[in-house]
């Protein structure tokens, strides 16, 4: 049973969480292209901090009128907004990024909006756009979510994961993080640690075991070979602003699961602050070289640990759990 859970967690995690630079009709551009404020339903969370930047939730439509969310995690807008803001506060505290909005103030921004858009056939459980200039002195993050997440048909809630991406976005560099794999690993690790995932983890959760089993599954079924696994794992320490995840679905999922395992290893053996430092962007070449050196050393330590993991879990256990929660 534990195995099924692990594989399911990886597949569901994979399809659900990731920042989006993809070209959808609603996806925003990193260049902060200006858009006009439309007649959306709007409600403020009412949060302001010392930077005097307000944080508000807005809606692309009257989704609670269009869909039946009575069996989902949020029966009303108020419940959704309270939960969203709670996630943001917990993410700020966990990452020691209470001042994340300061970078927007430097650009004259006074308002940050999170715009909920329920999007059928999204291709993943949820995704969040890069910020877009919105009206006057404001930016908006478009939060796309599958209807099945809000109705409760999907057994996990990816909203907290997306809030980690939002809080850790680098305005100056106009990108999410030092590299995409580290960014995804951090988002999922933090979301799980602060209880931001409603997945029924009856059998416990171990990122290392899940990643190991998934890698073994791919190798045993001839989908990838062991050298490809090592190649993907070693790319976690590459410095690139371009996505490193392979285009192939199975290999993309594998990259995601390996990134989560790597994050957990760094946090367990060093600290979360170390990991955040590694995944944050920087414009200082001397800091980048130090970062690259530390990251490569840590990556090698993790790979040596990862390839020696032993487990009694079986693929049959994981498959059964997947059938229950897919």
C-alpha atoms as a PDB file:
ATOM      1  CA  UNK A   1       0.000   0.000   0.000  1.00  0.00           C
ATOM      2  CA  UNK A   2       2.784   2.332   0.793  1.00  0.00           C
ATOM      3  CA  UNK A   3       4.252   1.963  -2.625  1.00  0.00           C
ATOM      4  CA  UNK A   4       1.169   2.813  -4.481  1.00  0.00           C
ATOM      5  CA  UNK A   5       0.927   5.898  -2.462  1.00  0.00           C
ATOM      6  CA  UNK A   6       4.427   6.838  -3.325  1.00  0.00           C
ATOM      7  CA  UNK A   7       4.055   6.436  -7.063  1.00  0.00           C
ATOM      8  CA  UNK A   8       0.676   8.116  -7.087  1.00  0.00           C
ATOM      9  CA  UNK A   9       2.132  10.954  -5.154  1.00  0.00           C
ATOM     10  CA  UNK A  10       4.773  11.390  -7.754  1.00  0.00           C
ATOM     11  CA  UNK A  11       2.464  11.197 -10.775  1.00  0.00           C
ATOM     12  CA  UNK A  12      -0.148  13.460  -9.215  1.00  0.00           C
ATOM     13  CA  UNK A  13       2.474  15.803  -7.931  1.00  0.00           C
ATOM     14  CA  UNK A  14       3.968  15.888 -11.346  1.00  0.00           C
ATOM     15  CA  UNK A  15       0.878  16.674 -13.258  1.00  0.00           C
ATOM     16  CA  UNK A  16      -0.287  19.213 -10.732  1.00  0.00           C
ATOM     17  CA  UNK A  17       2.497  21.443  -9.713  1.00  0.00           C
ATOM     18  CA  UNK A  18       4.755  23.635 -11.677  1.00  0.00           C
ATOM     19  CA  UNK A  19       5.155  27.210 -12.541  1.00  0.00           C
ATOM     20  CA  UNK A  20       3.963  27.966 -16.004  1.00  0.00           C
ATOM     21  CA  UNK A  21       5.826  29.674 -18.778  1.00  0.00           C
ATOM     22  CA  UNK A  22       3.660  27.812 -21.264  1.00  0.00           C
ATOM     23  CA  UNK A  23       1.714  29.551 -23.953  1.00  0.00           C
ATOM     24  CA  UNK A  24      -1.923  29.288 -22.914  1.00  0.00           C
ATOM     25  CA  UNK A  25      -4.449  31.897 -23.862  1.00  0.00           C
ATOM     26  CA  UNK A  26      -4.428  33.374 -20.396  1.00  0.00           C
ATOM     27  CA  UNK A  27      -0.787  32.874 -19.429  1.00  0.00           C
ATOM     28  CA  UNK A  28       1.132  36.041 -18.689  1.00  0.00           C
ATOM     29  CA  UNK A  29       4.435  37.207 -20.101  1.00  0.00           C
ATOM     30  CA  UNK A  30       7.501  37.732 -17.926  1.00  0.00           C
ATOM     31  CA  UNK A  31       7.971  41.186 -19.427  1.00  0.00           C
ATOM     32  CA  UNK A  32       5.080  42.618 -17.387  1.00  0.00           C
ATOM     33  CA  UNK A  33       3.009  43.580 -20.403  1.00  0.00           C
ATOM     34  CA  UNK A  34       0.311  46.044 -19.402  1.00  0.00           C
ATOM     35  CA  UNK A  35      -3.321  44.935 -19.451  1.00  0.00           C
ATOM     36  CA  UNK A  36      -6.532  46.725 -18.630  1.00  0.00           C
ATOM     37  CA  UNK A  37      -8.646  45.902 -15.595  1.00  0.00           C
ATOM     38  CA  UNK A  38     -11.736  43.987 -16.700  1.00  0.00           C
ATOM     39  CA  UNK A  39     -15.101  43.561 -15.019  1.00  0.00           C
ATOM     40  CA  UNK A  40     -14.004  40.661 -12.834  1.00  0.00           C
ATOM     41  CA  UNK A  41     -15.458  39.877  -9.462  1.00  0.00           C
ATOM     42  CA  UNK A  42     -13.092  41.286  -6.837  1.00  0.00           C
ATOM     43  CA  UNK A  43     -12.648  40.984  -3.116  1.00  0.00           C
ATOM     44  CA  UNK A  44      -9.739  42.134  -0.979  1.00  0.00           C
ATOM     45  CA  UNK A  45      -8.118  39.895   1.583  1.00  0.00           C
ATOM     46  CA  UNK A  46      -7.380  43.063   3.476  1.00  0.00           C
ATOM     47  CA  UNK A  47      -3.707  42.330   4.077  1.00  0.00           C
ATOM     48  CA  UNK A  48      -1.168  45.129   4.216  1.00  0.00           C
ATOM     49  CA  UNK A  49       2.335  45.103   5.651  1.00  0.00           C
ATOM     50  CA  UNK A  50       4.996  47.705   6.343  1.00  0.00           C
ATOM     51  CA  UNK A  51       5.610  48.148   2.616  1.00  0.00           C
ATOM     52  CA  UNK A  52       2.017  49.375   2.249  1.00  0.00           C
ATOM     53  CA  UNK A  53       1.464  46.897  -0.557  1.00  0.00           C
ATOM     54  CA  UNK A  54      -1.979  45.335  -0.430  1.00  0.00           C
ATOM     55  CA  UNK A  55      -2.563  41.707  -1.341  1.00  0.00           C
ATOM     56  CA  UNK A  56      -5.960  40.896  -2.813  1.00  0.00           C
ATOM     57  CA  UNK A  57      -7.827  38.031  -4.426  1.00  0.00           C
ATOM     58  CA  UNK A  58      -9.784  38.606  -7.626  1.00  0.00           C
ATOM     59  CA  UNK A  59     -11.777  36.223  -9.791  1.00  0.00           C
ATOM     60  CA  UNK A  60     -12.007  35.611 -13.511  1.00  0.00           C
ATOM     61  CA  UNK A  61     -15.693  34.703 -13.157  1.00  0.00           C
ATOM     62  CA  UNK A  62     -18.378  33.734 -10.629  1.00  0.00           C
ATOM     63  CA  UNK A  63     -16.963  30.242 -10.297  1.00  0.00           C
ATOM     64  CA  UNK A  64     -18.976  29.366  -7.178  1.00  0.00           C
ATOM     65  CA  UNK A  65     -22.081  30.061  -9.252  1.00  0.00           C
ATOM     66  CA  UNK A  66     -20.862  28.082 -12.253  1.00  0.00           C
ATOM     67  CA  UNK A  67     -19.592  24.980 -10.418  1.00  0.00           C
ATOM     68  CA  UNK A  68     -20.755  22.974  -7.436  1.00  0.00           C
ATOM     69  CA  UNK A  69     -17.892  23.232  -4.925  1.00  0.00           C
ATOM     70  CA  UNK A  70     -19.924  21.916  -1.984  1.00  0.00           C
ATOM     71  CA  UNK A  71     -17.851  18.713  -1.763  1.00  0.00           C
ATOM     72  CA  UNK A  72     -14.522  20.458  -2.329  1.00  0.00           C
ATOM     73  CA  UNK A  73     -12.027  22.138   0.010  1.00  0.00           C
ATOM     74  CA  UNK A  74     -13.564  25.607  -0.388  1.00  0.00           C
ATOM     75  CA  UNK A  75     -17.335  25.931  -0.125  1.00  0.00           C
ATOM     76  CA  UNK A  76     -17.230  29.702  -0.504  1.00  0.00           C
ATOM     77  CA  UNK A  77     -15.008  32.530  -1.636  1.00  0.00           C
ATOM     78  CA  UNK A  78     -14.405  33.492   1.965  1.00  0.00           C
ATOM     79  CA  UNK A  79     -13.069  30.004   2.752  1.00  0.00           C
ATOM     80  CA  UNK A  80     -10.817  30.122  -0.299  1.00  0.00           C
ATOM     81  CA  UNK A  81      -9.426  33.556   0.572  1.00  0.00           C
ATOM     82  CA  UNK A  82      -8.787  32.720   4.232  1.00  0.00           C
ATOM     83  CA  UNK A  83      -6.984  29.532   3.202  1.00  0.00           C
ATOM     84  CA  UNK A  84      -4.962  31.279   0.499  1.00  0.00           C
ATOM     85  CA  UNK A  85      -3.767  34.039   2.780  1.00  0.00           C
ATOM     86  CA  UNK A  86      -2.943  31.541   5.536  1.00  0.00           C
ATOM     87  CA  UNK A  87      -0.797  29.602   3.068  1.00  0.00           C
ATOM     88  CA  UNK A  88       1.010  32.798   2.044  1.00  0.00           C
ATOM     89  CA  UNK A  89       1.745  33.723   5.663  1.00  0.00           C
ATOM     90  CA  UNK A  90       3.074  30.235   6.422  1.00  0.00           C
ATOM     91  CA  UNK A  91       5.199  30.190   3.271  1.00  0.00           C
ATOM     92  CA  UNK A  92       6.642  33.613   4.154  1.00  0.00           C
ATOM     93  CA  UNK A  93       7.540  32.395   7.625  1.00  0.00           C
ATOM     94  CA  UNK A  94       8.948  29.033   6.502  1.00  0.00           C
ATOM     95  CA  UNK A  95      11.195  30.617   3.858  1.00  0.00           C
ATOM     96  CA  UNK A  96      12.073  33.672   5.972  1.00  0.00           C
ATOM     97  CA  UNK A  97      10.703  35.806   3.151  1.00  0.00           C
ATOM     98  CA  UNK A  98       8.332  38.061   5.079  1.00  0.00           C
ATOM     99  CA  UNK A  99       9.714  40.946   3.027  1.00  0.00           C
ATOM    100  CA  UNK A 100       9.091  39.367  -0.386  1.00  0.00           C
ATOM    101  CA  UNK A 101       6.827  42.246  -1.416  1.00  0.00           C
ATOM    102  CA  UNK A 102       9.582  44.832  -0.905  1.00  0.00           C
ATOM    103  CA  UNK A 103      10.962  44.171  -4.389  1.00  0.00           C
ATOM    104  CA  UNK A 104       7.631  45.268  -5.866  1.00  0.00           C
ATOM    105  CA  UNK A 105       7.595  48.465  -3.812  1.00  0.00           C
ATOM    106  CA  UNK A 106      10.934  49.413  -5.359  1.00  0.00           C
ATOM    107  CA  UNK A 107       9.161  49.394  -8.721  1.00  0.00           C
ATOM    108  CA  UNK A 108       6.341  51.602  -7.491  1.00  0.00           C
ATOM    109  CA  UNK A 109       3.861  48.751  -7.145  1.00  0.00           C
ATOM    110  CA  UNK A 110       1.153  49.305  -4.515  1.00  0.00           C
ATOM    111  CA  UNK A 111      -1.112  46.292  -5.085  1.00  0.00           C
ATOM    112  CA  UNK A 112      -0.549  42.592  -5.722  1.00  0.00           C
ATOM    113  CA  UNK A 113      -3.499  40.569  -6.991  1.00  0.00           C
ATOM    114  CA  UNK A 114      -3.951  36.799  -7.098  1.00  0.00           C
ATOM    115  CA  UNK A 115      -6.506  36.075  -9.798  1.00  0.00           C
ATOM    116  CA  UNK A 116      -8.262  32.716  -9.588  1.00  0.00           C
ATOM    117  CA  UNK A 117      -9.110  31.182 -12.964  1.00  0.00           C
ATOM    118  CA  UNK A 118     -10.833  27.806 -13.050  1.00  0.00           C
ATOM    119  CA  UNK A 119      -9.617  26.194 -16.276  1.00  0.00           C
ATOM    120  CA  UNK A 120     -10.869  22.812 -17.545  1.00  0.00           C
ATOM    121  CA  UNK A 121      -8.361  20.603 -19.365  1.00  0.00           C
ATOM    122  CA  UNK A 122      -5.458  22.540 -17.878  1.00  0.00           C
ATOM    123  CA  UNK A 123      -3.081  19.605 -18.251  1.00  0.00           C
ATOM    124  CA  UNK A 124      -1.978  19.812 -14.591  1.00  0.00           C
ATOM    125  CA  UNK A 125      -3.767  20.330 -11.301  1.00  0.00           C
ATOM    126  CA  UNK A 126      -2.733  23.975 -10.995  1.00  0.00           C
ATOM    127  CA  UNK A 127      -0.168  26.479 -12.203  1.00  0.00           C
ATOM    128  CA  UNK A 128       0.636  30.114 -11.542  1.00  0.00           C
ATOM    129  CA  UNK A 129       1.775  32.696 -14.067  1.00  0.00           C
ATOM    130  CA  UNK A 130       4.573  35.166 -13.763  1.00  0.00           C
ATOM    131  CA  UNK A 131       3.381  38.610 -12.597  1.00  0.00           C
ATOM    132  CA  UNK A 132       1.777  40.937 -15.111  1.00  0.00           C
ATOM    133  CA  UNK A 133       1.266  44.678 -14.873  1.00  0.00           C
ATOM    134  CA  UNK A 134      -2.357  45.183 -13.960  1.00  0.00           C
ATOM    135  CA  UNK A 135      -4.016  48.575 -14.202  1.00  0.00           C
ATOM    136  CA  UNK A 136      -2.135  51.332 -12.366  1.00  0.00           C
ATOM    137  CA  UNK A 137       0.625  50.513  -9.827  1.00  0.00           C
ATOM    138  CA  UNK A 138      -0.382  46.858  -9.574  1.00  0.00           C
ATOM    139  CA  UNK A 139       0.649  43.377 -10.699  1.00  0.00           C
ATOM    140  CA  UNK A 140      -1.403  40.200 -10.950  1.00  0.00           C
ATOM    141  CA  UNK A 141      -0.482  36.525 -10.625  1.00  0.00           C
ATOM    142  CA  UNK A 142      -2.943  34.364 -12.570  1.00  0.00           C
ATOM    143  CA  UNK A 143      -3.657  31.194 -10.575  1.00  0.00           C
ATOM    144  CA  UNK A 144      -5.058  28.520 -12.905  1.00  0.00           C
ATOM    145  CA  UNK A 145      -6.774  25.588 -11.208  1.00  0.00           C
ATOM    146  CA  UNK A 146      -8.572  22.518 -12.548  1.00  0.00           C
ATOM    147  CA  UNK A 147     -12.285  22.397 -11.639  1.00  0.00           C
ATOM    148  CA  UNK A 148     -11.748  18.892 -10.230  1.00  0.00           C
ATOM    149  CA  UNK A 149      -9.428  20.314  -7.574  1.00  0.00           C
ATOM    150  CA  UNK A 150     -12.092  22.724  -6.366  1.00  0.00           C
ATOM    151  CA  UNK A 151     -14.881  20.119  -6.479  1.00  0.00           C
ATOM    152  CA  UNK A 152     -12.829  17.613  -4.511  1.00  0.00           C
ATOM    153  CA  UNK A 153     -12.726  15.017  -7.284  1.00  0.00           C
ATOM    154  CA  UNK A 154      -8.927  15.257  -7.246  1.00  0.00           C
ATOM    155  CA  UNK A 155      -7.601  14.130  -3.879  1.00  0.00           C
ATOM    156  CA  UNK A 156      -4.900  16.715  -3.422  1.00  0.00           C
ATOM    157  CA  UNK A 157      -4.762  20.479  -3.150  1.00  0.00           C
ATOM    158  CA  UNK A 158      -1.914  22.180  -5.061  1.00  0.00           C
ATOM    159  CA  UNK A 159      -2.730  25.769  -4.025  1.00  0.00           C
ATOM    160  CA  UNK A 160      -0.043  26.024  -1.333  1.00  0.00           C
ATOM    161  CA  UNK A 161       2.587  24.750  -3.781  1.00  0.00           C
ATOM    162  CA  UNK A 162       1.718  27.588  -6.153  1.00  0.00           C
ATOM    163  CA  UNK A 163       1.927  30.156  -3.337  1.00  0.00           C
ATOM    164  CA  UNK A 164       5.520  29.033  -2.703  1.00  0.00           C
ATOM    165  CA  UNK A 165       6.262  29.912  -6.316  1.00  0.00           C
ATOM    166  CA  UNK A 166       4.604  33.307  -5.964  1.00  0.00           C
ATOM    167  CA  UNK A 167       6.470  34.272  -2.793  1.00  0.00           C
ATOM    168  CA  UNK A 168       9.821  33.142  -4.205  1.00  0.00           C
ATOM    169  CA  UNK A 169       9.479  34.918  -7.570  1.00  0.00           C
ATOM    170  CA  UNK A 170      12.435  37.196  -8.354  1.00  0.00           C
ATOM    171  CA  UNK A 171      11.179  40.488  -9.797  1.00  0.00           C
ATOM    172  CA  UNK A 172      14.630  41.852 -10.619  1.00  0.00           C
ATOM    173  CA  UNK A 173      15.723  38.800 -12.616  1.00  0.00           C
ATOM    174  CA  UNK A 174      12.173  38.201 -13.911  1.00  0.00           C
ATOM    175  CA  UNK A 175      12.266  34.486 -13.219  1.00  0.00           C
ATOM    176  CA  UNK A 176      11.297  32.002 -10.574  1.00  0.00           C
ATOM    177  CA  UNK A 177      14.591  30.730  -9.262  1.00  0.00           C
ATOM    178  CA  UNK A 178      18.204  29.781  -9.822  1.00  0.00           C
ATOM    179  CA  UNK A 179      16.947  26.828 -11.844  1.00  0.00           C
ATOM    180  CA  UNK A 180      13.550  25.155 -12.372  1.00  0.00           C
ATOM    181  CA  UNK A 181      14.317  21.810 -10.717  1.00  0.00           C
ATOM    182  CA  UNK A 182      15.348  23.421  -7.446  1.00  0.00           C
ATOM    183  CA  UNK A 183      12.291  25.635  -7.589  1.00  0.00           C
ATOM    184  CA  UNK A 184       9.863  22.728  -7.964  1.00  0.00           C
ATOM    185  CA  UNK A 185      11.589  20.703  -5.270  1.00  0.00           C
ATOM    186  CA  UNK A 186      11.312  23.611  -2.847  1.00  0.00           C
ATOM    187  CA  UNK A 187       7.658  24.299  -3.627  1.00  0.00           C
ATOM    188  CA  UNK A 188       6.544  20.735  -3.035  1.00  0.00           C
ATOM    189  CA  UNK A 189       8.685  20.237   0.062  1.00  0.00           C
ATOM    190  CA  UNK A 190       7.399  23.421   1.729  1.00  0.00           C
ATOM    191  CA  UNK A 191       3.783  22.742   0.754  1.00  0.00           C
ATOM    192  CA  UNK A 192       3.883  19.308   2.348  1.00  0.00           C
ATOM    193  CA  UNK A 193       5.759  20.450   5.444  1.00  0.00           C
ATOM    194  CA  UNK A 194       3.249  23.155   6.344  1.00  0.00           C
ATOM    195  CA  UNK A 195       0.254  20.943   5.647  1.00  0.00           C
ATOM    196  CA  UNK A 196      -0.704  22.638   2.438  1.00  0.00           C
ATOM    197  CA  UNK A 197      -1.599  19.428   0.645  1.00  0.00           C
ATOM    198  CA  UNK A 198      -4.903  17.680   1.352  1.00  0.00           C
ATOM    199  CA  UNK A 199      -3.676  14.352   0.006  1.00  0.00           C
ATOM    200  CA  UNK A 200      -4.634  11.479   2.295  1.00  0.00           C
ATOM    201  CA  UNK A 201      -1.165  10.367   3.372  1.00  0.00           C
ATOM    202  CA  UNK A 202      -2.423   7.363   5.312  1.00  0.00           C
ATOM    203  CA  UNK A 203       0.717   5.384   4.686  1.00  0.00           C
ATOM    204  CA  UNK A 204       3.207   8.137   5.402  1.00  0.00           C
ATOM    205  CA  UNK A 205       5.404   9.939   2.925  1.00  0.00           C
ATOM    206  CA  UNK A 206       9.046   9.621   2.023  1.00  0.00           C
ATOM    207  CA  UNK A 207      10.286  11.639  -0.941  1.00  0.00           C
ATOM    208  CA  UNK A 208      13.476   9.592  -1.265  1.00  0.00           C
ATOM    209  CA  UNK A 209      11.676   6.251  -1.428  1.00  0.00           C
ATOM    210  CA  UNK A 210       9.082   7.598  -3.861  1.00  0.00           C
ATOM    211  CA  UNK A 211      11.747   8.942  -6.211  1.00  0.00           C
ATOM    212  CA  UNK A 212      13.784   5.758  -5.963  1.00  0.00           C
ATOM    213  CA  UNK A 213      10.835   3.529  -6.778  1.00  0.00           C
ATOM    214  CA  UNK A 214       9.715   5.702  -9.646  1.00  0.00           C
ATOM    215  CA  UNK A 215      13.203   5.690 -11.137  1.00  0.00           C
ATOM    216  CA  UNK A 216      13.344   1.902 -10.726  1.00  0.00           C
ATOM    217  CA  UNK A 217       9.933   1.552 -12.374  1.00  0.00           C
ATOM    218  CA  UNK A 218      11.071   3.539 -15.430  1.00  0.00           C
ATOM    219  CA  UNK A 219      14.315   1.578 -15.757  1.00  0.00           C
ATOM    220  CA  UNK A 220      12.691  -1.834 -15.261  1.00  0.00           C
ATOM    221  CA  UNK A 221      10.072  -1.059 -17.904  1.00  0.00           C
ATOM    222  CA  UNK A 222      12.634   0.179 -20.423  1.00  0.00           C
ATOM    223  CA  UNK A 223      11.288   3.738 -20.423  1.00  0.00           C
ATOM    224  CA  UNK A 224      14.662   5.200 -19.444  1.00  0.00           C
ATOM    225  CA  UNK A 225      18.002   3.579 -18.683  1.00  0.00           C
ATOM    226  CA  UNK A 226      20.070   3.966 -15.536  1.00  0.00           C
ATOM    227  CA  UNK A 227      22.506   6.349 -17.232  1.00  0.00           C
ATOM    228  CA  UNK A 228      19.620   8.643 -18.185  1.00  0.00           C
ATOM    229  CA  UNK A 229      18.497   8.687 -14.566  1.00  0.00           C
ATOM    230  CA  UNK A 230      21.993   9.708 -13.476  1.00  0.00           C
ATOM    231  CA  UNK A 231      22.132  12.361 -16.177  1.00  0.00           C
ATOM    232  CA  UNK A 232      18.835  13.883 -15.083  1.00  0.00           C
ATOM    233  CA  UNK A 233      19.907  13.747 -11.441  1.00  0.00           C
ATOM    234  CA  UNK A 234      23.206  15.494 -12.154  1.00  0.00           C
ATOM    235  CA  UNK A 235      21.435  18.338 -13.975  1.00  0.00           C
ATOM    236  CA  UNK A 236      20.016  19.509 -10.664  1.00  0.00           C
ATOM    237  CA  UNK A 237      23.250  21.429 -10.140  1.00  0.00           C
ATOM    238  CA  UNK A 238      23.347  23.110 -13.541  1.00  0.00           C
ATOM    239  CA  UNK A 239      23.082  26.896 -13.676  1.00  0.00           C
ATOM    240  CA  UNK A 240      20.468  27.832 -16.228  1.00  0.00           C
ATOM    241  CA  UNK A 241      17.480  30.146 -16.413  1.00  0.00           C
ATOM    242  CA  UNK A 242      15.971  27.896 -19.051  1.00  0.00           C
ATOM    243  CA  UNK A 243      13.803  24.916 -18.040  1.00  0.00           C
ATOM    244  CA  UNK A 244      15.902  21.775 -17.683  1.00  0.00           C
ATOM    245  CA  UNK A 245      12.998  19.348 -17.388  1.00  0.00           C
ATOM    246  CA  UNK A 246      12.942  16.913 -20.329  1.00  0.00           C
ATOM    247  CA  UNK A 247      10.002  17.240 -22.709  1.00  0.00           C
ATOM    248  CA  UNK A 248       9.148  13.549 -22.424  1.00  0.00           C
ATOM    249  CA  UNK A 249       6.369  13.094 -19.850  1.00  0.00           C
ATOM    250  CA  UNK A 250       7.952  10.211 -17.938  1.00  0.00           C
ATOM    251  CA  UNK A 251      11.354  11.895 -17.787  1.00  0.00           C
ATOM    252  CA  UNK A 252       9.727  15.188 -16.734  1.00  0.00           C
ATOM    253  CA  UNK A 253       7.997  13.357 -13.895  1.00  0.00           C
ATOM    254  CA  UNK A 254      11.274  11.744 -12.944  1.00  0.00           C
ATOM    255  CA  UNK A 255      13.042  15.130 -12.856  1.00  0.00           C
ATOM    256  CA  UNK A 256      10.313  16.440 -10.584  1.00  0.00           C
ATOM    257  CA  UNK A 257      10.537  13.545  -8.145  1.00  0.00           C
ATOM    258  CA  UNK A 258      14.342  13.693  -8.057  1.00  0.00           C
ATOM    259  CA  UNK A 259      14.181  17.423  -7.313  1.00  0.00           C
ATOM    260  CA  UNK A 260      11.909  16.805  -4.331  1.00  0.00           C
ATOM    261  CA  UNK A 261      14.267  14.138  -3.002  1.00  0.00           C
ATOM    262  CA  UNK A 262      17.254  16.453  -3.468  1.00  0.00           C
ATOM    263  CA  UNK A 263      15.470  19.257  -1.576  1.00  0.00           C
ATOM    264  CA  UNK A 264      14.643  16.964   1.327  1.00  0.00           C
ATOM    265  CA  UNK A 265      18.238  15.716   1.453  1.00  0.00           C
ATOM    266  CA  UNK A 266      19.631  19.270   1.644  1.00  0.00           C
ATOM    267  CA  UNK A 267      17.133  20.292   4.309  1.00  0.00           C
ATOM    268  CA  UNK A 268      17.774  17.165   6.396  1.00  0.00           C
ATOM    269  CA  UNK A 269      21.568  17.369   6.152  1.00  0.00           C
ATOM    270  CA  UNK A 270      22.076  21.129   5.980  1.00  0.00           C
ATOM    271  CA  UNK A 271      19.105  23.474   6.354  1.00  0.00           C
ATOM    272  CA  UNK A 272      16.157  24.943   4.492  1.00  0.00           C
ATOM    273  CA  UNK A 273      17.970  28.301   4.448  1.00  0.00           C
ATOM    274  CA  UNK A 274      20.864  26.614   2.608  1.00  0.00           C
ATOM    275  CA  UNK A 275      18.481  25.261   0.013  1.00  0.00           C
ATOM    276  CA  UNK A 276      16.731  28.609  -0.432  1.00  0.00           C
ATOM    277  CA  UNK A 277      20.109  30.262  -0.903  1.00  0.00           C
ATOM    278  CA  UNK A 278      21.011  27.691  -3.544  1.00  0.00           C
ATOM    279  CA  UNK A 279      17.793  28.109  -5.514  1.00  0.00           C
ATOM    280  CA  UNK A 280      17.509  31.898  -5.316  1.00  0.00           C
ATOM    281  CA  UNK A 281      18.730  33.958  -8.228  1.00  0.00           C
ATOM    282  CA  UNK A 282      21.579  36.401  -7.921  1.00  0.00           C
ATOM    283  CA  UNK A 283      23.190  38.990 -10.171  1.00  0.00           C
ATOM    284  CA  UNK A 284      26.576  38.812  -8.435  1.00  0.00           C
ATOM    285  CA  UNK A 285      29.042  36.562 -10.322  1.00  0.00           C
ATOM    286  CA  UNK A 286      31.149  35.940  -7.230  1.00  0.00           C
ATOM    287  CA  UNK A 287      28.102  34.656  -5.319  1.00  0.00           C
ATOM    288  CA  UNK A 288      27.085  32.524  -8.293  1.00  0.00           C
ATOM    289  CA  UNK A 289      30.460  30.767  -8.366  1.00  0.00           C
ATOM    290  CA  UNK A 290      30.268  30.025  -4.642  1.00  0.00           C
ATOM    291  CA  UNK A 291      26.735  28.783  -5.095  1.00  0.00           C
ATOM    292  CA  UNK A 292      27.663  26.530  -8.004  1.00  0.00           C
ATOM    293  CA  UNK A 293      30.501  24.986  -6.026  1.00  0.00           C
ATOM    294  CA  UNK A 294      28.339  24.243  -3.004  1.00  0.00           C
ATOM    295  CA  UNK A 295      25.521  22.938  -5.153  1.00  0.00           C
ATOM    296  CA  UNK A 296      27.727  20.503  -7.071  1.00  0.00           C
ATOM    297  CA  UNK A 297      29.199  19.155  -3.821  1.00  0.00           C
ATOM    298  CA  UNK A 298      25.734  18.708  -2.300  1.00  0.00           C
ATOM    299  CA  UNK A 299      24.419  17.154  -5.493  1.00  0.00           C
ATOM    300  CA  UNK A 300      27.187  14.548  -5.416  1.00  0.00           C
ATOM    301  CA  UNK A 301      26.489  13.775  -1.751  1.00  0.00           C
ATOM    302  CA  UNK A 302      22.791  13.332  -2.507  1.00  0.00           C
ATOM    303  CA  UNK A 303      23.410  11.057  -5.506  1.00  0.00           C
ATOM    304  CA  UNK A 304      25.652   8.789  -3.428  1.00  0.00           C
ATOM    305  CA  UNK A 305      22.918   8.613  -0.783  1.00  0.00           C
ATOM    306  CA  UNK A 306      20.093   8.219  -3.298  1.00  0.00           C
ATOM    307  CA  UNK A 307      21.598   5.259  -5.149  1.00  0.00           C
ATOM    308  CA  UNK A 308      22.063   3.326  -1.922  1.00  0.00           C
ATOM    309  CA  UNK A 309      18.490   3.582  -0.661  1.00  0.00           C
ATOM    310  CA  UNK A 310      16.852   0.264   0.165  1.00  0.00           C
ATOM    311  CA  UNK A 311      13.136  -0.297   0.664  1.00  0.00           C
ATOM    312  CA  UNK A 312      10.643  -3.100   1.214  1.00  0.00           C
ATOM    313  CA  UNK A 313       7.953  -1.275  -0.749  1.00  0.00           C
ATOM    314  CA  UNK A 314       6.747  -2.922  -3.953  1.00  0.00           C
ATOM    315  CA  UNK A 315       5.337  -1.635  -7.204  1.00  0.00           C
ATOM    316  CA  UNK A 316       2.148  -3.592  -6.558  1.00  0.00           C
ATOM    317  CA  UNK A 317       1.575  -1.530  -3.418  1.00  0.00           C
ATOM    318  CA  UNK A 318       2.075   1.697  -5.317  1.00  0.00           C
ATOM    319  CA  UNK A 319      -0.120   0.686  -8.242  1.00  0.00           C
ATOM    320  CA  UNK A 320      -2.989  -0.231  -5.923  1.00  0.00           C
ATOM    321  CA  UNK A 321      -2.741   3.131  -4.191  1.00  0.00           C
ATOM    322  CA  UNK A 322      -2.651   4.881  -7.544  1.00  0.00           C
ATOM    323  CA  UNK A 323      -5.837   3.167  -8.643  1.00  0.00           C
ATOM    324  CA  UNK A 324      -7.501   4.523  -5.514  1.00  0.00           C
ATOM    325  CA  UNK A 325      -6.283   8.112  -5.814  1.00  0.00           C
ATOM    326  CA  UNK A 326      -5.662   8.780  -9.507  1.00  0.00           C
END
